[in-house]
């Protein structure tokens, strides 16, 4: 039996995300990111037009996703801080290497 449209959309988004992370080509990454945004946008339109917002389950799902997305934003901020720290450490190591090379040459 074939997968449902929802399953296929979910799989497509997952697969595109994996490809974005693995590709080294900036142009391919840009193209994949656009495709991901198009699928996500169509999914949003579909859900907004089909699902009854007055359902308690809709509100519960929306609230749960809101909380999860807020937490994801916090996690991303922590990762961004970690990445910035790694870049600063790398710059410091480069400066130390330059110093060590100068001292060794003297």
Protein backbone atom coordinates (compact mmCIF):
# COMPACT_ATOMS: atom_id res chain seq x y z
CA UNK A 1 0.00 0.00 0.00
CA UNK A 2 1.24 3.48 -0.85
CA UNK A 3 2.07 5.99 1.85
CA UNK A 4 -0.42 8.72 2.63
CA UNK A 5 0.14 12.25 1.35
CA UNK A 6 1.01 13.34 4.89
CA UNK A 7 3.61 10.59 5.21
CA UNK A 8 5.09 11.49 1.84
CA UNK A 9 5.24 15.20 2.71
CA UNK A 10 6.93 14.42 6.01
CA UNK A 11 9.42 12.11 4.31
CA UNK A 12 10.13 14.74 1.64
CA UNK A 13 10.89 17.40 4.23
CA UNK A 14 13.12 15.00 6.16
CA UNK A 15 14.96 13.92 3.02
CA UNK A 16 15.45 17.47 1.78
CA UNK A 17 16.81 18.50 5.19
CA UNK A 18 19.29 15.60 5.09
CA UNK A 19 20.38 16.59 1.58
CA UNK A 20 20.82 20.23 2.63
CA UNK A 21 23.08 19.14 5.47
CA UNK A 22 25.15 16.80 3.30
CA UNK A 23 25.61 18.79 0.12
CA UNK A 24 28.78 20.78 -0.31
CA UNK A 25 27.47 22.75 -3.29
CA UNK A 26 26.13 26.16 -2.33
CA UNK A 27 23.89 26.31 -5.42
CA UNK A 28 22.42 22.88 -4.69
CA UNK A 29 21.89 23.81 -1.04
CA UNK A 30 20.10 26.99 -2.12
CA UNK A 31 17.89 25.05 -4.53
CA UNK A 32 17.06 22.45 -1.89
CA UNK A 33 16.28 25.14 0.67
CA UNK A 34 13.85 26.76 -1.79
CA UNK A 35 12.18 23.40 -2.43
CA UNK A 36 11.91 22.77 1.29
CA UNK A 37 10.27 26.17 1.78
CA UNK A 38 7.83 25.51 -1.06
CA UNK A 39 6.74 22.16 0.37
CA UNK A 40 6.44 23.60 3.87
CA UNK A 41 4.43 26.53 2.54
CA UNK A 42 2.03 24.28 0.67
CA UNK A 43 1.65 22.09 3.73
CA UNK A 44 0.81 25.15 5.81
CA UNK A 45 -1.83 26.29 3.31
CA UNK A 46 -3.33 22.81 3.18
CA UNK A 47 -3.55 22.49 6.96
CA UNK A 48 -4.91 26.01 7.39
CA UNK A 49 -7.65 25.39 4.82
CA UNK A 50 -8.63 21.87 5.86
CA UNK A 51 -8.27 21.58 9.62
CA UNK A 52 -10.96 23.12 11.82
CA UNK A 53 -9.25 25.58 14.17
CA UNK A 54 -12.11 25.40 16.67
CA UNK A 55 -11.25 21.80 17.61
CA UNK A 56 -9.73 21.41 21.07
CA UNK A 57 -7.17 19.03 19.57
CA UNK A 58 -6.14 21.70 17.08
CA UNK A 59 -5.48 24.18 19.89
CA UNK A 60 -3.64 21.53 21.90
CA UNK A 61 -1.45 20.58 18.94
CA UNK A 62 -0.82 24.23 18.10
CA UNK A 63 0.14 25.04 21.70
CA UNK A 64 2.42 22.00 21.91
CA UNK A 65 4.15 22.94 18.65
CA UNK A 66 4.51 26.51 19.85
CA UNK A 67 6.22 25.32 23.03
CA UNK A 68 8.43 22.90 21.08
CA UNK A 69 9.43 25.62 18.60
CA UNK A 70 10.27 28.01 21.42
CA UNK A 71 12.48 25.35 22.96
CA UNK A 72 14.08 24.66 19.57
CA UNK A 73 14.89 28.37 19.22
CA UNK A 74 16.59 28.32 22.63
CA UNK A 75 18.57 25.22 21.62
CA UNK A 76 19.60 26.86 18.36
CA UNK A 77 20.78 29.94 20.23
CA UNK A 78 22.92 27.70 22.44
CA UNK A 79 24.36 25.99 19.36
CA UNK A 80 25.07 29.38 17.79
CA UNK A 81 26.89 30.45 20.96
CA UNK A 82 28.86 27.20 20.87
CA UNK A 83 29.82 27.78 17.24
CA UNK A 84 30.93 31.34 18.03
CA UNK A 85 33.03 30.03 20.91
CA UNK A 86 34.69 27.45 18.66
CA UNK A 87 35.49 30.16 16.09
CA UNK A 88 37.03 32.36 18.78
CA UNK A 89 39.08 29.47 20.10
CA UNK A 90 40.29 28.69 16.58
CA UNK A 91 41.32 32.33 16.10
CA UNK A 92 43.16 32.27 19.42
CA UNK A 93 44.96 29.06 18.45
CA UNK A 94 46.00 30.68 15.14
CA UNK A 95 47.43 33.64 17.08
CA UNK A 96 49.26 31.28 19.43
CA UNK A 97 50.70 29.39 16.45
CA UNK A 98 51.90 32.65 14.90
CA UNK A 99 53.50 33.63 18.20
CA UNK A 100 55.14 30.22 18.57
CA UNK A 101 56.51 30.45 15.00
CA UNK A 102 57.92 33.93 15.66
CA UNK A 103 59.52 32.86 18.95
CA UNK A 104 60.96 29.71 17.37
CA UNK A 105 62.47 31.75 14.53
CA UNK A 106 64.15 34.17 16.94
